Amino acid sequence: MRTWFRQWRQHREIRIAEPTFSEEQCRELAELLTLLERTPSEPALSVPASEAAEDTRALAEAATSLWRAQRKLTQAGRSAENRQTGRYLRACGEALAAAGLVVQEHDGTTFNAGRALDVLVYQDDPAVTEETIVETVRPSVYYHDRQIQRGEVIVARPTADESTKVGDGYA
């Protein structure tokens, strides 16, 4: 009704005729509307969940291999060949980061039980004052801010002081 009134109040020369559509055009418009009304979580071109999981697993493996190669190269020393290889690996890492893949190493950071990490070993170490990650065995990998691989770490924890032990007769 509103559209009719807007047209009616205009001069006859300016009025726009009501469009007429064939049945085929109506079907096409209905299909386009259903595509536009899809929610963002429902992709227009859907990929089976198993294929998506395989893709992210492959990305995580590639990122982990790149991370390990960079660590080995850093440990190997400084030769001209190592520097050139390091530049190639760094460029590859930057390209993956630009595509949304982030590799996170955890060495030297404090550990708490709420972190999304798998602890392989707890080591007693009198040199640390709080639980600290001493080695990353496998890094955490994120793809577009979604974790696709949990990190695996080794954690050093402070040794218990002899005077604070419970049940030893000194308390």
Protein backbone atom coordinates (compact mmCIF):
# COMPACT_ATOMS: atom_id res chain seq x y z
CA MET A 1 0.00 0.00 0.00
CA ARG A 2 2.81 2.35 0.93
CA THR A 3 4.61 1.84 -2.39
CA TRP A 4 1.38 2.43 -4.31
CA PHE A 5 0.85 5.72 -2.45
CA ARG A 6 4.42 6.88 -3.11
CA GLN A 7 3.89 6.27 -6.82
CA TRP A 8 0.41 7.81 -6.87
CA ARG A 9 1.55 11.15 -5.37
CA GLN A 10 4.07 11.61 -8.22
CA HIS A 11 3.19 13.04 -11.61
CA ARG A 12 1.94 10.49 -14.10
CA GLU A 13 5.06 10.90 -16.24
CA ILE A 14 7.35 10.03 -13.32
CA ARG A 15 5.43 7.03 -12.01
CA ILE A 16 7.15 3.68 -12.39
CA ALA A 17 5.10 0.81 -13.67
CA GLU A 18 4.81 -2.21 -11.41
CA PRO A 19 7.24 -4.90 -12.56
CA THR A 20 5.94 -8.12 -14.01
CA PHE A 21 7.91 -11.32 -13.59
CA SER A 22 7.57 -14.65 -15.27
CA GLU A 23 7.31 -17.84 -13.17
CA GLU A 24 10.90 -18.73 -14.03
CA GLN A 25 12.15 -15.33 -12.87
CA CYS A 26 10.15 -15.70 -9.63
CA ARG A 27 11.81 -19.07 -8.97
CA GLU A 28 15.27 -17.63 -9.63
CA LEU A 29 14.59 -14.70 -7.29
CA ALA A 30 13.35 -17.07 -4.58
CA GLU A 31 16.54 -19.17 -4.90
CA LEU A 32 18.69 -16.04 -4.68
CA LEU A 33 16.80 -14.89 -1.60
CA THR A 34 17.37 -18.20 0.15
CA LEU A 35 21.10 -17.94 -0.62
CA LEU A 36 21.21 -14.41 0.79
CA GLU A 37 19.26 -15.36 3.92
CA ARG A 38 21.72 -18.06 4.96
CA THR A 39 23.42 -17.52 8.27
CA PRO A 40 27.16 -16.75 8.28
CA SER A 41 27.87 -20.06 10.04
CA GLU A 42 26.32 -21.96 7.13
CA PRO A 43 28.71 -21.60 4.18
CA ALA A 44 27.31 -21.31 0.68
CA LEU A 45 29.75 -23.91 -0.60
CA SER A 46 29.87 -26.49 2.15
CA VAL A 47 32.85 -28.77 2.64
CA PRO A 48 32.26 -32.05 4.48
CA ALA A 49 33.48 -31.91 8.09
CA SER A 50 35.86 -34.83 7.55
CA GLU A 51 37.61 -33.02 4.68
CA ALA A 52 37.84 -29.80 6.71
CA ALA A 53 39.38 -31.72 9.62
CA GLU A 54 41.91 -33.35 7.28
CA ASP A 55 42.80 -29.94 5.82
CA THR A 56 43.40 -28.39 9.24
CA ARG A 57 45.38 -31.45 10.35
CA ALA A 58 47.58 -31.12 7.26
CA LEU A 59 48.07 -27.40 7.96
CA ALA A 60 49.03 -28.15 11.55
CA GLU A 61 51.55 -30.79 10.44
CA ALA A 62 53.07 -28.42 7.88
CA ALA A 63 53.33 -25.61 10.43
CA THR A 64 54.92 -27.96 12.99
CA SER A 65 57.47 -29.21 10.46
CA LEU A 66 58.35 -25.63 9.54
CA TRP A 67 58.73 -24.74 13.23
CA ARG A 68 61.01 -27.75 13.84
CA ALA A 69 63.15 -26.90 10.80
CA GLN A 70 63.58 -23.32 12.05
CA ARG A 71 64.63 -24.58 15.50
CA LYS A 72 67.13 -27.06 14.04
CA LEU A 73 68.58 -24.35 11.82
CA THR A 74 68.94 -22.00 14.79
CA GLN A 75 70.78 -24.70 16.74
CA ALA A 76 73.02 -25.55 13.77
CA GLY A 77 74.96 -22.29 13.80
CA ARG A 78 75.66 -19.38 11.49
CA SER A 79 76.91 -20.31 8.05
CA ALA A 80 76.03 -18.59 4.78
CA GLU A 81 73.96 -21.57 3.72
CA ASN A 82 72.08 -21.66 7.04
CA ARG A 83 71.30 -17.94 6.81
CA GLN A 84 69.88 -18.37 3.31
CA THR A 85 67.81 -21.39 4.36
CA GLY A 86 66.64 -19.42 7.40
CA ARG A 87 65.42 -16.62 5.13
CA TYR A 88 63.43 -19.11 3.05
CA LEU A 89 61.88 -20.66 6.14
CA ARG A 90 61.08 -17.21 7.58
CA ALA A 91 59.40 -16.18 4.30
CA CYS A 92 57.37 -19.40 4.35
CA GLY A 93 56.32 -18.72 7.96
CA GLU A 94 55.31 -15.16 7.09
CA ALA A 95 53.22 -16.39 4.17
CA LEU A 96 51.43 -18.87 6.42
CA ALA A 97 50.85 -16.14 9.00
CA ALA A 98 49.38 -13.89 6.31
CA ALA A 99 47.01 -16.75 5.41
CA GLY A 100 45.82 -16.91 9.05
CA LEU A 101 48.04 -19.69 10.42
CA VAL A 102 49.84 -18.86 13.68
CA VAL A 103 52.42 -21.10 15.35
CA GLN A 104 52.93 -20.44 19.08
CA GLU A 105 55.99 -21.66 20.97
CA HIS A 106 55.79 -21.73 24.78
CA ASP A 107 59.41 -21.95 25.99
CA GLY A 108 60.11 -19.90 29.13
CA THR A 109 56.50 -18.93 29.88
CA THR A 110 54.76 -19.66 33.16
CA PHE A 111 52.38 -22.58 33.20
CA ASN A 112 48.97 -22.84 34.82
CA ALA A 113 46.48 -25.68 34.62
CA GLY A 114 43.94 -23.63 32.63
CA ARG A 115 46.07 -23.37 29.50
CA ALA A 116 45.16 -25.41 26.43
CA LEU A 117 48.37 -27.43 26.49
CA ASP A 118 49.25 -31.08 26.96
CA VAL A 119 51.96 -31.59 29.59
CA LEU A 120 54.16 -34.54 28.72
CA VAL A 121 56.44 -34.41 31.77
CA TYR A 122 56.68 -32.50 35.05
CA GLN A 123 60.30 -32.06 36.18
CA ASP A 124 61.35 -31.00 39.68
CA ASP A 125 63.76 -28.09 39.45
CA PRO A 126 65.00 -26.15 42.48
CA ALA A 127 66.00 -23.21 40.24
CA VAL A 128 62.39 -22.22 39.40
CA THR A 129 59.98 -20.49 41.78
CA GLU A 130 56.80 -21.29 39.85
CA GLU A 131 55.76 -23.82 37.22
CA THR A 132 57.56 -22.85 34.02
CA ILE A 133 57.56 -24.37 30.56
CA VAL A 134 61.14 -25.41 29.85
CA GLU A 135 60.64 -27.02 26.44
CA THR A 136 58.02 -27.03 23.72
CA VAL A 137 57.88 -30.46 22.10
CA ARG A 138 55.05 -29.54 19.72
CA PRO A 139 53.79 -25.95 19.28
CA SER A 140 50.19 -24.77 19.48
CA VAL A 141 48.83 -23.98 16.02
CA TYR A 142 45.94 -21.59 15.36
CA TYR A 143 44.09 -21.09 12.10
CA HIS A 144 42.03 -17.90 12.00
CA ASP A 145 42.07 -17.68 15.83
CA ARG A 146 40.84 -21.29 16.23
CA GLN A 147 43.19 -23.82 17.76
CA ILE A 148 43.83 -26.71 15.37
CA GLN A 149 46.69 -28.30 17.32
CA ARG A 150 47.30 -28.38 21.09
CA GLY A 151 50.83 -27.70 22.18
CA GLU A 152 52.86 -30.38 23.98
CA VAL A 153 55.27 -29.12 26.62
CA ILE A 154 57.64 -30.12 29.42
CA VAL A 155 57.06 -28.21 32.66
CA ALA A 156 59.58 -27.55 35.45
CA ARG A 157 58.10 -27.14 38.92
CA PRO A 158 59.78 -26.00 42.10
CA THR A 159 60.88 -28.75 44.43
CA ALA A 160 59.13 -28.89 47.79
CA ASP A 161 61.16 -27.40 50.62
CA GLU A 162 62.02 -29.90 53.40
CA SER A 163 60.36 -27.71 56.08
CA THR A 164 57.07 -27.48 54.16
CA LYS A 165 56.59 -31.21 53.61
CA VAL A 166 53.51 -32.56 55.40
CA GLY A 167 53.84 -35.65 57.56
CA ASP A 168 57.61 -35.56 58.00
CA GLY A 169 57.47 -34.79 61.74
CA TYR A 170 58.69 -31.16 61.51
CA ALA A 171 55.38 -29.37 61.01
